[in-house]
Amino acid sequence: MIEIESLSKRYGELTVVDAVDLIIPKGSITAIVGTSGSGKSTLLRMINRLIEPSSGQVRIDGRLTTSEPAPALRRRIGYVIQGNGLFPHRTVAENIATVPQLLGWEPARIAARTEQLLTLFGLDPAIHARRLPAELSGGQQQRVGVARALAAGPSVLLMDEPFGALDPIIRAKAQEDLRTIQRQLGTTVVIVTHDMEEAFLLADRIAVLDNGKLLQHDVPARLLTHPAHPQVMALTGTTDRALRLLSLESTAAIVTAGEVSGPDLPASMSLREALSALIWAGATAGNVLDAHGQRSGHVTMQAILTRGSAAR
């Protein structure tokens, strides 16, 4: 768990982050969002003391981040930036080994961890370990950047606009990879993004900043249905609020008993995707398939639209 208490950063008369209080649950993904200049990147960097706060404090798992030297703190916190920040003259394996080497790990342990992470990210160690970053695609470079950040097994991973430089198709895959791997490892992830779609896709909770102040910190559905400030409403959108709410729930949430004449829809499919599938098929209802591929009931287009109307 990350506890942020009255955290502020001032540069002369300018207050960039203003007395932020925030609790980030262990094993969750929290997105920090806001317009340019809202203080979101500064807040993130104060967690690992890349920027020292003017006042306030941060605790990670109950321990003050000021209780140890900043370099030691950073070695136990993963950090990923836009454009991956890989060392161009080092191989993939050497990049991933950076922090474990600083921590004095044995070579055999480093090699095993590197192989494990490359395999986890779908990169064949026999093919990719000896390559230089320039020999990889943008998506592969980003995977290696995240793998390097996770190499020493940190409990916390900080990500500052990590997918901003990727094209839409590669970006979607990188986001999917992050969510899958975070669930496997249980890492606490804090991600800064200006992309609200990305925040709603990835985050368990979203923190909205404006002019350095925390306006709201809540689950995505709550931000949509009960925005605490006009700026929150502006960021979450007004015209597509219902569709965003539908993307947060699956067909399993509104399944009704009985089978119908219509397409089959996985129980894990979002209501937004289900609505699109029904429109594409020209159907008013579809059957819901459970994890074993068996029909467990059905959903109707009307039920989906009724669910979405709660965001208006």
C-alpha atoms as a PDB file:
ATOM      1  CA  MET A   1       0.000   0.000   0.000  1.00  0.00           C
ATOM      2  CA  ILE A   2       1.139   3.526  -0.780  1.00  0.00           C
ATOM      3  CA  GLU A   3       0.055   6.268   1.625  1.00  0.00           C
ATOM      4  CA  ILE A   4       0.486   9.855   0.446  1.00  0.00           C
ATOM      5  CA  GLU A   5      -0.097  12.437   3.166  1.00  0.00           C
ATOM      6  CA  SER A   6      -0.409  16.213   2.576  1.00  0.00           C
ATOM      7  CA  LEU A   7       2.167  15.984  -0.212  1.00  0.00           C
ATOM      8  CA  SER A   8       3.116  19.286  -1.827  1.00  0.00           C
ATOM      9  CA  LYS A   9       5.712  20.577  -4.259  1.00  0.00           C
ATOM     10  CA  ARG A  10       6.449  24.273  -4.640  1.00  0.00           C
ATOM     11  CA  TYR A  11       8.838  26.104  -6.897  1.00  0.00           C
ATOM     12  CA  GLY A  12       9.061  29.571  -5.450  1.00  0.00           C
ATOM     13  CA  GLU A  13       5.564  31.028  -5.575  1.00  0.00           C
ATOM     14  CA  LEU A  14       4.300  28.269  -7.874  1.00  0.00           C
ATOM     15  CA  THR A  15       2.568  25.286  -6.220  1.00  0.00           C
ATOM     16  CA  VAL A  16       2.694  22.306  -8.579  1.00  0.00           C
ATOM     17  CA  VAL A  17       1.223  19.717  -6.196  1.00  0.00           C
ATOM     18  CA  ASP A  18      -0.980  21.043  -3.424  1.00  0.00           C
ATOM     19  CA  ALA A  19      -1.443  19.019  -0.200  1.00  0.00           C
ATOM     20  CA  VAL A  20      -2.483  15.752  -1.841  1.00  0.00           C
ATOM     21  CA  ASP A  21      -3.794  12.933   0.363  1.00  0.00           C
ATOM     22  CA  LEU A  22      -4.073   9.600  -1.410  1.00  0.00           C
ATOM     23  CA  ILE A  23      -4.119   5.920  -0.435  1.00  0.00           C
ATOM     24  CA  ILE A  24      -3.238   3.436  -3.170  1.00  0.00           C
ATOM     25  CA  PRO A  25      -4.308  -0.127  -2.291  1.00  0.00           C
ATOM     26  CA  LYS A  26      -1.749  -2.902  -2.456  1.00  0.00           C
ATOM     27  CA  GLY A  27      -1.903  -4.972  -5.628  1.00  0.00           C
ATOM     28  CA  SER A  28      -4.039  -2.451  -7.503  1.00  0.00           C
ATOM     29  CA  ILE A  29      -3.600  -0.307 -10.598  1.00  0.00           C
ATOM     30  CA  THR A  30      -4.190   3.391  -9.961  1.00  0.00           C
ATOM     31  CA  ALA A  31      -4.226   5.903 -12.814  1.00  0.00           C
ATOM     32  CA  ILE A  32      -3.349   9.544 -12.185  1.00  0.00           C
ATOM     33  CA  VAL A  33      -5.039  11.737 -14.773  1.00  0.00           C
ATOM     34  CA  GLY A  34      -5.372  15.421 -15.477  1.00  0.00           C
ATOM     35  CA  THR A  35      -4.726  18.078 -18.067  1.00  0.00           C
ATOM     36  CA  SER A  36      -1.199  19.196 -18.970  1.00  0.00           C
ATOM     37  CA  GLY A  37       0.373  20.977 -16.016  1.00  0.00           C
ATOM     38  CA  SER A  38      -1.983  19.464 -13.451  1.00  0.00           C
ATOM     39  CA  GLY A  39       0.926  18.029 -11.433  1.00  0.00           C
ATOM     40  CA  LYS A  40       0.390  14.344 -12.177  1.00  0.00           C
ATOM     41  CA  SER A  41       3.977  13.514 -13.228  1.00  0.00           C
ATOM     42  CA  THR A  42       5.396  15.535 -10.333  1.00  0.00           C
ATOM     43  CA  LEU A  43       3.206  13.591  -7.906  1.00  0.00           C
ATOM     44  CA  LEU A  44       4.373  10.289  -9.384  1.00  0.00           C
ATOM     45  CA  ARG A  45       8.051  11.250  -9.172  1.00  0.00           C
ATOM     46  CA  MET A  46       7.738  12.264  -5.539  1.00  0.00           C
ATOM     47  CA  ILE A  47       6.794   8.671  -4.705  1.00  0.00           C
ATOM     48  CA  ASN A  48      10.291   7.428  -5.610  1.00  0.00           C
ATOM     49  CA  ARG A  49      11.939  10.759  -4.751  1.00  0.00           C
ATOM     50  CA  LEU A  50      13.083  11.624  -8.236  1.00  0.00           C
ATOM     51  CA  ILE A  51      11.556  14.904  -7.078  1.00  0.00           C
ATOM     52  CA  GLU A  52      11.806  15.747  -3.396  1.00  0.00           C
ATOM     53  CA  PRO A  53       8.564  17.090  -1.876  1.00  0.00           C
ATOM     54  CA  SER A  54       8.397  20.523  -0.292  1.00  0.00           C
ATOM     55  CA  SER A  55       6.180  19.117   2.459  1.00  0.00           C
ATOM     56  CA  GLY A  56       4.219  16.009   3.334  1.00  0.00           C
ATOM     57  CA  GLN A  57       5.293  12.392   3.300  1.00  0.00           C
ATOM     58  CA  VAL A  58       4.946   9.068   1.503  1.00  0.00           C
ATOM     59  CA  ARG A  59       4.818   5.607   3.041  1.00  0.00           C
ATOM     60  CA  ILE A  60       5.170   2.348   1.132  1.00  0.00           C
ATOM     61  CA  ASP A  61       3.950  -0.682   3.093  1.00  0.00           C
ATOM     62  CA  GLY A  62       4.086   1.425   6.248  1.00  0.00           C
ATOM     63  CA  ARG A  63       7.662   2.600   5.748  1.00  0.00           C
ATOM     64  CA  LEU A  64       8.534   6.248   5.125  1.00  0.00           C
ATOM     65  CA  THR A  65      10.297   6.727   1.795  1.00  0.00           C
ATOM     66  CA  THR A  66      12.693   9.127   3.552  1.00  0.00           C
ATOM     67  CA  SER A  67      13.904   6.361   5.882  1.00  0.00           C
ATOM     68  CA  GLU A  68      16.577   5.310   3.379  1.00  0.00           C
ATOM     69  CA  PRO A  69      18.773   7.017   0.774  1.00  0.00           C
ATOM     70  CA  ALA A  70      16.910   7.914  -2.411  1.00  0.00           C
ATOM     71  CA  PRO A  71      19.044   5.650  -4.681  1.00  0.00           C
ATOM     72  CA  ALA A  72      18.300   2.642  -2.466  1.00  0.00           C
ATOM     73  CA  LEU A  73      14.585   3.479  -2.522  1.00  0.00           C
ATOM     74  CA  ARG A  74      14.550   3.672  -6.321  1.00  0.00           C
ATOM     75  CA  ARG A  75      16.180   0.273  -6.682  1.00  0.00           C
ATOM     76  CA  ARG A  76      13.184  -1.343  -5.023  1.00  0.00           C
ATOM     77  CA  ILE A  77      10.609   0.606  -7.041  1.00  0.00           C
ATOM     78  CA  GLY A  78      10.106  -0.122 -10.738  1.00  0.00           C
ATOM     79  CA  TYR A  79       9.970   2.922 -13.015  1.00  0.00           C
ATOM     80  CA  VAL A  80       8.920   3.094 -16.670  1.00  0.00           C
ATOM     81  CA  ILE A  81       8.863   6.216 -18.835  1.00  0.00           C
ATOM     82  CA  GLN A  82       7.509   7.053 -22.268  1.00  0.00           C
ATOM     83  CA  GLY A  83       9.799   5.733 -24.976  1.00  0.00           C
ATOM     84  CA  ASN A  84      11.028   2.931 -22.623  1.00  0.00           C
ATOM     85  CA  GLY A  85      14.408   4.590 -21.824  1.00  0.00           C
ATOM     86  CA  LEU A  86      16.458   1.516 -22.731  1.00  0.00           C
ATOM     87  CA  PHE A  87      20.235   1.818 -22.920  1.00  0.00           C
ATOM     88  CA  PRO A  88      20.885   1.644 -26.695  1.00  0.00           C
ATOM     89  CA  HIS A  89      24.389   0.179 -26.390  1.00  0.00           C
ATOM     90  CA  ARG A  90      23.321  -2.670 -24.100  1.00  0.00           C
ATOM     91  CA  THR A  91      21.620  -5.880 -25.140  1.00  0.00           C
ATOM     92  CA  VAL A  92      18.116  -6.754 -24.008  1.00  0.00           C
ATOM     93  CA  ALA A  93      19.515  -9.084 -21.339  1.00  0.00           C
ATOM     94  CA  GLU A  94      21.949  -6.420 -20.116  1.00  0.00           C
ATOM     95  CA  ASN A  95      19.161  -3.852 -19.918  1.00  0.00           C
ATOM     96  CA  ILE A  96      16.968  -6.156 -17.839  1.00  0.00           C
ATOM     97  CA  ALA A  97      19.915  -6.987 -15.576  1.00  0.00           C
ATOM     98  CA  THR A  98      20.587  -3.331 -14.667  1.00  0.00           C
ATOM     99  CA  VAL A  99      18.982  -3.176 -11.210  1.00  0.00           C
ATOM    100  CA  PRO A 100      19.769  -6.780 -10.146  1.00  0.00           C
ATOM    101  CA  GLN A 101      23.439  -6.050 -10.880  1.00  0.00           C
ATOM    102  CA  LEU A 102      23.294  -2.897  -8.750  1.00  0.00           C
ATOM    103  CA  LEU A 103      21.797  -4.998  -5.970  1.00  0.00           C
ATOM    104  CA  GLY A 104      24.639  -7.501  -6.220  1.00  0.00           C
ATOM    105  CA  TRP A 105      22.723 -10.512  -7.501  1.00  0.00           C
ATOM    106  CA  GLU A 106      24.680 -13.556  -8.596  1.00  0.00           C
ATOM    107  CA  PRO A 107      25.023 -13.945 -12.402  1.00  0.00           C
ATOM    108  CA  ALA A 108      23.078 -17.212 -12.422  1.00  0.00           C
ATOM    109  CA  ARG A 109      20.177 -15.599 -10.581  1.00  0.00           C
ATOM    110  CA  ILE A 110      20.188 -12.654 -12.985  1.00  0.00           C
ATOM    111  CA  ALA A 111      20.223 -14.969 -16.005  1.00  0.00           C
ATOM    112  CA  ALA A 112      17.304 -16.982 -14.626  1.00  0.00           C
ATOM    113  CA  ARG A 113      15.279 -13.850 -13.874  1.00  0.00           C
ATOM    114  CA  THR A 114      15.976 -12.421 -17.330  1.00  0.00           C
ATOM    115  CA  GLU A 115      14.826 -15.619 -19.007  1.00  0.00           C
ATOM    116  CA  GLN A 116      11.712 -15.733 -16.813  1.00  0.00           C
ATOM    117  CA  LEU A 117      10.707 -12.170 -17.663  1.00  0.00           C
ATOM    118  CA  LEU A 118      11.363 -12.476 -21.389  1.00  0.00           C
ATOM    119  CA  THR A 119       9.222 -15.609 -21.460  1.00  0.00           C
ATOM    120  CA  LEU A 120       6.510 -13.885 -19.426  1.00  0.00           C
ATOM    121  CA  PHE A 121       6.406 -11.036 -21.960  1.00  0.00           C
ATOM    122  CA  GLY A 122       6.262 -13.408 -24.925  1.00  0.00           C
ATOM    123  CA  LEU A 123       9.843 -12.764 -26.072  1.00  0.00           C
ATOM    124  CA  ASP A 124      11.904 -15.876 -26.820  1.00  0.00           C
ATOM    125  CA  PRO A 125      15.123 -15.554 -24.726  1.00  0.00           C
ATOM    126  CA  ALA A 126      17.113 -17.480 -27.329  1.00  0.00           C
ATOM    127  CA  ILE A 127      16.163 -14.918 -29.959  1.00  0.00           C
ATOM    128  CA  HIS A 128      15.842 -11.621 -28.089  1.00  0.00           C
ATOM    129  CA  ALA A 129      18.256 -11.703 -25.137  1.00  0.00           C
ATOM    130  CA  ARG A 130      21.329 -10.744 -27.213  1.00  0.00           C
ATOM    131  CA  ARG A 131      19.623  -8.184 -29.429  1.00  0.00           C
ATOM    132  CA  LEU A 132      20.112  -4.440 -29.084  1.00  0.00           C
ATOM    133  CA  PRO A 133      17.047  -2.215 -28.556  1.00  0.00           C
ATOM    134  CA  ALA A 134      17.332  -0.847 -32.105  1.00  0.00           C
ATOM    135  CA  GLU A 135      16.739  -4.369 -33.433  1.00  0.00           C
ATOM    136  CA  LEU A 136      13.335  -4.581 -31.726  1.00  0.00           C
ATOM    137  CA  SER A 137       9.940  -3.208 -32.702  1.00  0.00           C
ATOM    138  CA  GLY A 138       8.421  -0.389 -30.659  1.00  0.00           C
ATOM    139  CA  GLY A 139       6.131  -2.788 -28.858  1.00  0.00           C
ATOM    140  CA  GLN A 140       8.993  -5.160 -28.062  1.00  0.00           C
ATOM    141  CA  GLN A 141      11.089  -2.297 -26.720  1.00  0.00           C
ATOM    142  CA  GLN A 142       8.248  -1.267 -24.429  1.00  0.00           C
ATOM    143  CA  ARG A 143       7.914  -4.833 -23.122  1.00  0.00           C
ATOM    144  CA  VAL A 144      11.635  -4.914 -22.367  1.00  0.00           C
ATOM    145  CA  GLY A 145      11.318  -1.556 -20.585  1.00  0.00           C
ATOM    146  CA  VAL A 146       8.608  -2.939 -18.311  1.00  0.00           C
ATOM    147  CA  ALA A 147      10.575  -6.185 -17.833  1.00  0.00           C
ATOM    148  CA  ARG A 148      13.618  -4.162 -16.738  1.00  0.00           C
ATOM    149  CA  ALA A 149      11.471  -2.262 -14.237  1.00  0.00           C
ATOM    150  CA  LEU A 150      10.205  -5.571 -12.805  1.00  0.00           C
ATOM    151  CA  ALA A 151      13.566  -7.353 -12.806  1.00  0.00           C
ATOM    152  CA  ALA A 152      14.290  -7.030  -9.095  1.00  0.00           C
ATOM    153  CA  GLY A 153      10.738  -7.990  -8.120  1.00  0.00           C
ATOM    154  CA  PRO A 154       9.553  -4.584  -6.866  1.00  0.00           C
ATOM    155  CA  SER A 155       6.273  -4.372  -5.005  1.00  0.00           C
ATOM    156  CA  VAL A 156       5.580  -1.010  -6.687  1.00  0.00           C
ATOM    157  CA  LEU A 157       5.763  -0.069 -10.369  1.00  0.00           C
ATOM    158  CA  LEU A 158       5.538   3.591 -11.414  1.00  0.00           C
ATOM    159  CA  MET A 159       4.726   4.359 -15.054  1.00  0.00           C
ATOM    160  CA  ASP A 160       4.841   7.850 -16.575  1.00  0.00           C
ATOM    161  CA  GLU A 161       2.927   7.952 -19.903  1.00  0.00           C
ATOM    162  CA  PRO A 162       4.498   4.577 -20.814  1.00  0.00           C
ATOM    163  CA  PHE A 163       2.454   3.920 -23.949  1.00  0.00           C
ATOM    164  CA  GLY A 164       2.165   7.442 -25.317  1.00  0.00           C
ATOM    165  CA  ALA A 165       4.670   6.933 -28.138  1.00  0.00           C
ATOM    166  CA  LEU A 166       3.150   3.692 -29.451  1.00  0.00           C
ATOM    167  CA  ASP A 167       0.769   3.405 -32.365  1.00  0.00           C
ATOM    168  CA  PRO A 168      -2.830   2.403 -31.483  1.00  0.00           C
ATOM    169  CA  ILE A 169      -2.526  -1.312 -32.307  1.00  0.00           C
ATOM    170  CA  ILE A 170       0.765  -1.816 -30.434  1.00  0.00           C
ATOM    171  CA  ARG A 171      -0.513   0.353 -27.600  1.00  0.00           C
ATOM    172  CA  ALA A 172      -3.598  -1.816 -27.133  1.00  0.00           C
ATOM    173  CA  LYS A 173      -1.423  -4.934 -26.934  1.00  0.00           C
ATOM    174  CA  ALA A 174       0.946  -3.266 -24.442  1.00  0.00           C
ATOM    175  CA  GLN A 175      -2.001  -2.289 -22.245  1.00  0.00           C
ATOM    176  CA  GLU A 176      -3.330  -5.849 -22.374  1.00  0.00           C
ATOM    177  CA  ASP A 177       0.118  -7.208 -21.475  1.00  0.00           C
ATOM    178  CA  LEU A 178       0.389  -4.867 -18.486  1.00  0.00           C
ATOM    179  CA  ARG A 179      -2.986  -5.841 -17.076  1.00  0.00           C
ATOM    180  CA  THR A 180      -2.309  -9.563 -17.530  1.00  0.00           C
ATOM    181  CA  ILE A 181       1.160  -9.460 -15.961  1.00  0.00           C
ATOM    182  CA  GLN A 182       0.034  -7.211 -13.101  1.00  0.00           C
ATOM    183  CA  ARG A 183      -2.622  -9.774 -12.208  1.00  0.00           C
ATOM    184  CA  GLN A 184      -0.021 -12.552 -12.260  1.00  0.00           C
ATOM    185  CA  LEU A 185       2.570 -10.719 -10.152  1.00  0.00           C
ATOM    186  CA  GLY A 186       0.289  -8.701  -7.867  1.00  0.00           C
ATOM    187  CA  THR A 187       2.440  -5.584  -8.288  1.00  0.00           C
ATOM    188  CA  THR A 188       1.022  -2.236  -7.135  1.00  0.00           C
ATOM    189  CA  VAL A 189       0.998  -0.079 -10.267  1.00  0.00           C
ATOM    190  CA  VAL A 190       0.666   3.705 -10.452  1.00  0.00           C
ATOM    191  CA  ILE A 191       0.350   5.009 -14.005  1.00  0.00           C
ATOM    192  CA  VAL A 192       0.238   8.615 -15.195  1.00  0.00           C
ATOM    193  CA  THR A 193      -1.754   9.106 -18.371  1.00  0.00           C
ATOM    194  CA  HIS A 194      -3.547  11.887 -20.228  1.00  0.00           C
ATOM    195  CA  ASP A 195      -5.658   9.280 -22.029  1.00  0.00           C
ATOM    196  CA  MET A 196      -8.960   8.710 -20.217  1.00  0.00           C
ATOM    197  CA  GLU A 197      -9.730   5.626 -22.317  1.00  0.00           C
ATOM    198  CA  GLU A 198      -6.457   4.109 -21.089  1.00  0.00           C
ATOM    199  CA  ALA A 199      -7.284   5.012 -17.486  1.00  0.00           C
ATOM    200  CA  PHE A 200     -10.717   3.392 -17.679  1.00  0.00           C
ATOM    201  CA  LEU A 201      -9.277   0.319 -19.398  1.00  0.00           C
ATOM    202  CA  LEU A 202      -6.436  -0.321 -16.956  1.00  0.00           C
ATOM    203  CA  ALA A 203      -7.208   1.186 -13.592  1.00  0.00           C
ATOM    204  CA  ASP A 204      -8.970  -0.162 -10.532  1.00  0.00           C
ATOM    205  CA  ARG A 205      -9.062   3.411  -9.220  1.00  0.00           C
ATOM    206  CA  ILE A 206      -8.497   6.797 -10.858  1.00  0.00           C
ATOM    207  CA  ALA A 207      -7.096   9.952  -9.215  1.00  0.00           C
ATOM    208  CA  VAL A 208      -8.018  13.215 -10.963  1.00  0.00           C
ATOM    209  CA  LEU A 209      -5.694  16.201 -10.501  1.00  0.00           C
ATOM    210  CA  ASP A 210      -6.255  19.809 -11.519  1.00  0.00           C
ATOM    211  CA  ASN A 211      -3.876  22.675 -10.763  1.00  0.00           C
ATOM    212  CA  GLY A 212      -2.047  20.430  -8.310  1.00  0.00           C
ATOM    213  CA  LYS A 213      -5.148  19.568  -6.281  1.00  0.00           C
ATOM    214  CA  LEU A 214      -6.744  16.137  -5.991  1.00  0.00           C
ATOM    215  CA  LEU A 215     -10.350  16.529  -7.133  1.00  0.00           C
ATOM    216  CA  GLN A 216     -11.490  12.922  -6.802  1.00  0.00           C
ATOM    217  CA  HIS A 217     -10.018   9.460  -6.225  1.00  0.00           C
ATOM    218  CA  ASP A 218     -12.495   6.704  -6.927  1.00  0.00           C
ATOM    219  CA  VAL A 219     -13.382   3.591  -8.884  1.00  0.00           C
ATOM    220  CA  PRO A 220     -14.024   4.327 -12.587  1.00  0.00           C
ATOM    221  CA  ALA A 221     -17.783   3.766 -12.419  1.00  0.00           C
ATOM    222  CA  ARG A 222     -18.102   6.223  -9.536  1.00  0.00           C
ATOM    223  CA  LEU A 223     -16.255   8.909 -11.502  1.00  0.00           C
ATOM    224  CA  LEU A 224     -18.754   8.459 -14.313  1.00  0.00           C
ATOM    225  CA  THR A 225     -21.913   8.344 -12.238  1.00  0.00           C
ATOM    226  CA  HIS A 226     -20.970  10.705  -9.402  1.00  0.00           C
ATOM    227  CA  PRO A 227     -18.287  13.178 -10.545  1.00  0.00           C
ATOM    228  CA  ALA A 228     -17.244  15.299  -7.559  1.00  0.00           C
ATOM    229  CA  HIS A 229     -16.232  18.366  -9.587  1.00  0.00           C
ATOM    230  CA  PRO A 230     -17.063  19.912 -12.980  1.00  0.00           C
ATOM    231  CA  GLN A 231     -13.480  19.263 -14.114  1.00  0.00           C
ATOM    232  CA  VAL A 232     -13.934  15.557 -13.363  1.00  0.00           C
ATOM    233  CA  MET A 233     -17.043  15.548 -15.526  1.00  0.00           C
ATOM    234  CA  ALA A 234     -15.171  17.362 -18.295  1.00  0.00           C
ATOM    235  CA  LEU A 235     -12.311  14.833 -18.248  1.00  0.00           C
ATOM    236  CA  THR A 236     -14.543  11.769 -18.172  1.00  0.00           C
ATOM    237  CA  GLY A 237     -16.593  13.080 -21.078  1.00  0.00           C
ATOM    238  CA  THR A 238     -20.201  14.113 -21.453  1.00  0.00           C
ATOM    239  CA  THR A 239     -21.305  12.639 -24.776  1.00  0.00           C
ATOM    240  CA  ASP A 240     -19.756   9.182 -24.326  1.00  0.00           C
ATOM    241  CA  ARG A 241     -20.293   8.767 -20.582  1.00  0.00           C
ATOM    242  CA  ALA A 242     -22.812   5.940 -21.061  1.00  0.00           C
ATOM    243  CA  LEU A 243     -20.506   3.995 -23.367  1.00  0.00           C
ATOM    244  CA  ARG A 244     -17.621   4.317 -20.925  1.00  0.00           C
ATOM    245  CA  LEU A 245     -19.795   3.008 -18.119  1.00  0.00           C
ATOM    246  CA  LEU A 246     -20.774   0.034 -20.274  1.00  0.00           C
ATOM    247  CA  SER A 247     -17.097  -0.769 -20.861  1.00  0.00           C
ATOM    248  CA  LEU A 248     -16.632  -1.308 -17.108  1.00  0.00           C
ATOM    249  CA  GLU A 249     -19.150  -4.147 -16.729  1.00  0.00           C
ATOM    250  CA  SER A 250     -19.418  -7.552 -18.356  1.00  0.00           C
ATOM    251  CA  THR A 251     -22.431  -9.382 -19.744  1.00  0.00           C
ATOM    252  CA  ALA A 252     -22.368 -11.542 -16.619  1.00  0.00           C
ATOM    253  CA  ALA A 253     -23.582  -8.518 -14.638  1.00  0.00           C
ATOM    254  CA  ILE A 254     -27.035  -8.446 -16.269  1.00  0.00           C
ATOM    255  CA  VAL A 255     -27.567 -12.017 -17.457  1.00  0.00           C
ATOM    256  CA  THR A 256     -31.175 -13.258 -17.462  1.00  0.00           C
ATOM    257  CA  ALA A 257     -32.198 -16.913 -17.383  1.00  0.00           C
ATOM    258  CA  GLY A 258     -33.195 -18.663 -20.591  1.00  0.00           C
ATOM    259  CA  GLU A 259     -31.917 -18.945 -24.147  1.00  0.00           C
ATOM    260  CA  VAL A 260     -32.818 -16.700 -27.072  1.00  0.00           C
ATOM    261  CA  SER A 261     -32.331 -16.611 -30.820  1.00  0.00           C
ATOM    262  CA  GLY A 262     -29.199 -14.491 -31.184  1.00  0.00           C
ATOM    263  CA  PRO A 263     -25.387 -14.496 -31.148  1.00  0.00           C
ATOM    264  CA  ASP A 264     -23.316 -16.066 -28.372  1.00  0.00           C
ATOM    265  CA  LEU A 265     -21.530 -13.558 -26.124  1.00  0.00           C
ATOM    266  CA  PRO A 266     -18.776 -14.528 -23.633  1.00  0.00           C
ATOM    267  CA  ALA A 267     -19.581 -13.707 -20.018  1.00  0.00           C
ATOM    268  CA  SER A 268     -16.293 -11.768 -19.869  1.00  0.00           C
ATOM    269  CA  MET A 269     -17.295  -9.496 -22.767  1.00  0.00           C
ATOM    270  CA  SER A 270     -17.964  -5.906 -21.743  1.00  0.00           C
ATOM    271  CA  LEU A 271     -21.467  -4.545 -22.165  1.00  0.00           C
ATOM    272  CA  ARG A 272     -20.060  -2.032 -24.633  1.00  0.00           C
ATOM    273  CA  GLU A 273     -18.643  -4.844 -26.763  1.00  0.00           C
ATOM    274  CA  ALA A 274     -21.857  -6.837 -26.402  1.00  0.00           C
ATOM    275  CA  LEU A 275     -23.905  -3.879 -27.619  1.00  0.00           C
ATOM    276  CA  SER A 276     -21.649  -3.586 -30.674  1.00  0.00           C
ATOM    277  CA  ALA A 277     -21.941  -7.325 -31.335  1.00  0.00           C
ATOM    278  CA  LEU A 278     -25.744  -7.213 -31.175  1.00  0.00           C
ATOM    279  CA  ILE A 279     -25.917  -4.216 -33.498  1.00  0.00           C
ATOM    280  CA  TRP A 280     -23.522  -5.923 -35.935  1.00  0.00           C
ATOM    281  CA  ALA A 281     -25.621  -9.105 -35.893  1.00  0.00           C
ATOM    282  CA  GLY A 282     -28.883  -7.214 -36.218  1.00  0.00           C
ATOM    283  CA  ALA A 283     -30.152  -8.901 -33.052  1.00  0.00           C
ATOM    284  CA  THR A 284     -31.987  -7.558 -30.009  1.00  0.00           C
ATOM    285  CA  ALA A 285     -30.602 -10.207 -27.622  1.00  0.00           C
ATOM    286  CA  GLY A 286     -27.785 -12.708 -27.309  1.00  0.00           C
ATOM    287  CA  ASN A 287     -26.862 -15.775 -25.257  1.00  0.00           C
ATOM    288  CA  VAL A 288     -24.187 -15.500 -22.569  1.00  0.00           C
ATOM    289  CA  LEU A 289     -21.489 -18.195 -22.516  1.00  0.00           C
ATOM    290  CA  ASP A 290     -19.825 -19.094 -19.218  1.00  0.00           C
ATOM    291  CA  ALA A 291     -16.127 -19.929 -18.780  1.00  0.00           C
ATOM    292  CA  HIS A 292     -16.802 -23.468 -20.047  1.00  0.00           C
ATOM    293  CA  GLY A 293     -18.554 -22.286 -23.203  1.00  0.00           C
ATOM    294  CA  GLN A 294     -21.999 -23.251 -21.927  1.00  0.00           C
ATOM    295  CA  ARG A 295     -25.014 -20.973 -22.277  1.00  0.00           C
ATOM    296  CA  SER A 296     -25.879 -19.530 -18.864  1.00  0.00           C
ATOM    297  CA  GLY A 297     -28.652 -17.177 -19.906  1.00  0.00           C
ATOM    298  CA  HIS A 298     -29.057 -14.153 -22.142  1.00  0.00           C
ATOM    299  CA  VAL A 299     -28.800 -10.364 -22.298  1.00  0.00           C
ATOM    300  CA  THR A 300     -30.985  -7.988 -24.253  1.00  0.00           C
ATOM    301  CA  MET A 301     -30.067  -4.785 -26.022  1.00  0.00           C
ATOM    302  CA  GLN A 302     -32.701  -2.975 -23.954  1.00  0.00           C
ATOM    303  CA  ALA A 303     -31.131  -4.166 -20.694  1.00  0.00           C
ATOM    304  CA  ILE A 304     -27.728  -2.951 -21.857  1.00  0.00           C
ATOM    305  CA  LEU A 305     -29.083   0.463 -22.846  1.00  0.00           C
ATOM    306  CA  THR A 306     -30.902   0.758 -19.519  1.00  0.00           C
ATOM    307  CA  ARG A 307     -27.658  -0.008 -17.695  1.00  0.00           C
ATOM    308  CA  GLY A 308     -25.830   2.646 -19.673  1.00  0.00           C
ATOM    309  CA  SER A 309     -28.448   5.300 -18.976  1.00  0.00           C
ATOM    310  CA  ALA A 310     -27.264   5.424 -15.343  1.00  0.00           C
ATOM    311  CA  ALA A 311     -24.260   7.480 -16.471  1.00  0.00           C
ATOM    312  CA  ARG A 312     -26.346  10.277 -17.961  1.00  0.00           C
END
